[in-house]
Amino acid sequence: MIATICQLICTAISTILSGEMWPNAVAATGASEEFTGEYWEMDTSSFDKQAKQHLKVYENVMLAAKICIFAIIVTLVIMAATLV
């Protein structure tokens, strides 16, 4: 049963990350349809000290959010697995 739940969660996550869940999302948001999927890193060479500090705070908040989401998913899986 736990393996089935984990497999279902993995399938849902891979579907979301692959973009198959929302095939018309590009058209709905008005984004360019010519997106190639390339990763562009932000150029921070012109940032001053305060801007770099703000960027670091943003990165830390995003990391904390990812950890919290992962912890919530694990908790829900454990709760579902222990239902009798």
C-alpha atoms as a PDB file:
ATOM      1  CA  MET A   1       0.000   0.000   0.000  1.00  0.00           C
ATOM      2  CA  ILE A   2       2.818   2.411   0.851  1.00  0.00           C
ATOM      3  CA  ALA A   3       4.509   1.640  -2.451  1.00  0.00           C
ATOM      4  CA  THR A   4       1.291   2.431  -4.315  1.00  0.00           C
ATOM      5  CA  ILE A   5       0.915   5.759  -2.520  1.00  0.00           C
ATOM      6  CA  CYS A   6       4.538   6.668  -3.207  1.00  0.00           C
ATOM      7  CA  GLN A   7       4.172   5.681  -6.854  1.00  0.00           C
ATOM      8  CA  LEU A   8       1.041   7.829  -7.154  1.00  0.00           C
ATOM      9  CA  ILE A   9       2.794  10.823  -5.599  1.00  0.00           C
ATOM     10  CA  CYS A  10       5.829  10.393  -7.870  1.00  0.00           C
ATOM     11  CA  THR A  11       3.588  10.188 -10.927  1.00  0.00           C
ATOM     12  CA  ALA A  12       1.737  13.351  -9.908  1.00  0.00           C
ATOM     13  CA  ILE A  13       4.973  15.251  -9.293  1.00  0.00           C
ATOM     14  CA  SER A  14       6.502  14.164 -12.598  1.00  0.00           C
ATOM     15  CA  THR A  15       3.309  15.148 -14.428  1.00  0.00           C
ATOM     16  CA  ILE A  16       3.342  18.583 -12.851  1.00  0.00           C
ATOM     17  CA  LEU A  17       7.037  19.143 -13.554  1.00  0.00           C
ATOM     18  CA  SER A  18       6.819  17.929 -17.150  1.00  0.00           C
ATOM     19  CA  GLY A  19       4.105  20.471 -17.999  1.00  0.00           C
ATOM     20  CA  GLU A  20       1.714  17.816 -19.314  1.00  0.00           C
ATOM     21  CA  MET A  21      -0.886  18.799 -16.757  1.00  0.00           C
ATOM     22  CA  TRP A  22      -1.370  22.266 -18.249  1.00  0.00           C
ATOM     23  CA  PRO A  23      -0.571  22.051 -21.983  1.00  0.00           C
ATOM     24  CA  ASN A  24      -2.269  25.372 -22.735  1.00  0.00           C
ATOM     25  CA  ALA A  25      -0.624  27.265 -19.883  1.00  0.00           C
ATOM     26  CA  VAL A  26       1.627  29.185 -22.266  1.00  0.00           C
ATOM     27  CA  ALA A  27      -1.320  30.386 -24.340  1.00  0.00           C
ATOM     28  CA  ALA A  28      -3.383  31.232 -21.248  1.00  0.00           C
ATOM     29  CA  THR A  29      -0.666  33.346 -19.652  1.00  0.00           C
ATOM     30  CA  GLY A  30       0.291  35.135 -22.839  1.00  0.00           C
ATOM     31  CA  ALA A  31       3.887  33.958 -22.541  1.00  0.00           C
ATOM     32  CA  SER A  32       6.002  33.504 -25.603  1.00  0.00           C
ATOM     33  CA  GLU A  33       5.462  30.184 -27.357  1.00  0.00           C
ATOM     34  CA  GLU A  34       9.078  30.274 -28.527  1.00  0.00           C
ATOM     35  CA  PHE A  35      10.410  29.366 -25.100  1.00  0.00           C
ATOM     36  CA  THR A  36      13.273  26.920 -25.596  1.00  0.00           C
ATOM     37  CA  GLY A  37      13.592  25.776 -22.012  1.00  0.00           C
ATOM     38  CA  GLU A  38      17.052  27.279 -21.636  1.00  0.00           C
ATOM     39  CA  TYR A  39      18.177  28.281 -18.172  1.00  0.00           C
ATOM     40  CA  TRP A  40      19.374  31.858 -17.911  1.00  0.00           C
ATOM     41  CA  GLU A  41      21.154  32.904 -14.752  1.00  0.00           C
ATOM     42  CA  MET A  42      20.529  36.398 -13.452  1.00  0.00           C
ATOM     43  CA  ASP A  43      23.439  38.791 -13.908  1.00  0.00           C
ATOM     44  CA  THR A  44      24.140  40.174 -10.428  1.00  0.00           C
ATOM     45  CA  SER A  45      27.386  41.945 -11.291  1.00  0.00           C
ATOM     46  CA  SER A  46      25.701  45.358 -11.142  1.00  0.00           C
ATOM     47  CA  PHE A  47      23.998  44.713  -7.795  1.00  0.00           C
ATOM     48  CA  ASP A  48      25.082  46.754  -4.816  1.00  0.00           C
ATOM     49  CA  LYS A  49      25.634  45.301  -1.327  1.00  0.00           C
ATOM     50  CA  GLN A  50      22.011  45.789  -0.246  1.00  0.00           C
ATOM     51  CA  ALA A  51      20.609  44.185  -3.400  1.00  0.00           C
ATOM     52  CA  LYS A  52      22.846  41.149  -2.901  1.00  0.00           C
ATOM     53  CA  GLN A  53      21.633  40.862   0.700  1.00  0.00           C
ATOM     54  CA  HIS A  54      18.011  40.997  -0.477  1.00  0.00           C
ATOM     55  CA  LEU A  55      18.716  38.306  -3.071  1.00  0.00           C
ATOM     56  CA  LYS A  56      20.282  36.094  -0.399  1.00  0.00           C
ATOM     57  CA  VAL A  57      17.209  36.542   1.846  1.00  0.00           C
ATOM     58  CA  TYR A  58      14.970  35.595  -1.097  1.00  0.00           C
ATOM     59  CA  GLU A  59      17.039  32.462  -1.773  1.00  0.00           C
ATOM     60  CA  ASN A  60      16.843  31.462   1.903  1.00  0.00           C
ATOM     61  CA  VAL A  61      13.059  31.985   2.009  1.00  0.00           C
ATOM     62  CA  MET A  62      12.621  29.863  -1.129  1.00  0.00           C
ATOM     63  CA  LEU A  63      14.788  27.094   0.369  1.00  0.00           C
ATOM     64  CA  ALA A  64      12.729  27.155   3.573  1.00  0.00           C
ATOM     65  CA  ALA A  65       9.512  26.960   1.532  1.00  0.00           C
ATOM     66  CA  LYS A  66      10.812  23.920  -0.365  1.00  0.00           C
ATOM     67  CA  ILE A  67      11.761  22.193   2.893  1.00  0.00           C
ATOM     68  CA  CYS A  68       8.321  22.931   4.402  1.00  0.00           C
ATOM     69  CA  ILE A  69       6.506  21.608   1.337  1.00  0.00           C
ATOM     70  CA  PHE A  70       8.599  18.444   1.395  1.00  0.00           C
ATOM     71  CA  ALA A  71       7.894  17.981   5.126  1.00  0.00           C
ATOM     72  CA  ILE A  72       4.145  18.419   4.540  1.00  0.00           C
ATOM     73  CA  ILE A  73       4.165  15.846   1.731  1.00  0.00           C
ATOM     74  CA  VAL A  74       6.085  13.350   3.867  1.00  0.00           C
ATOM     75  CA  THR A  75       3.683  13.906   6.774  1.00  0.00           C
ATOM     76  CA  LEU A  76       0.659  13.341   4.531  1.00  0.00           C
ATOM     77  CA  VAL A  77       2.186  10.162   3.093  1.00  0.00           C
ATOM     78  CA  ILE A  78       2.884   8.831   6.581  1.00  0.00           C
ATOM     79  CA  MET A  79      -0.661   9.709   7.682  1.00  0.00           C
ATOM     80  CA  ALA A  80      -2.143   7.982   4.640  1.00  0.00           C
ATOM     81  CA  ALA A  81       0.030   4.920   5.148  1.00  0.00           C
ATOM     82  CA  THR A  82      -0.968   4.522   8.780  1.00  0.00           C
ATOM     83  CA  LEU A  83      -4.736   4.736   8.200  1.00  0.00           C
ATOM     84  CA  VAL A  84      -6.377   1.501   9.171  1.00  0.00           C
END
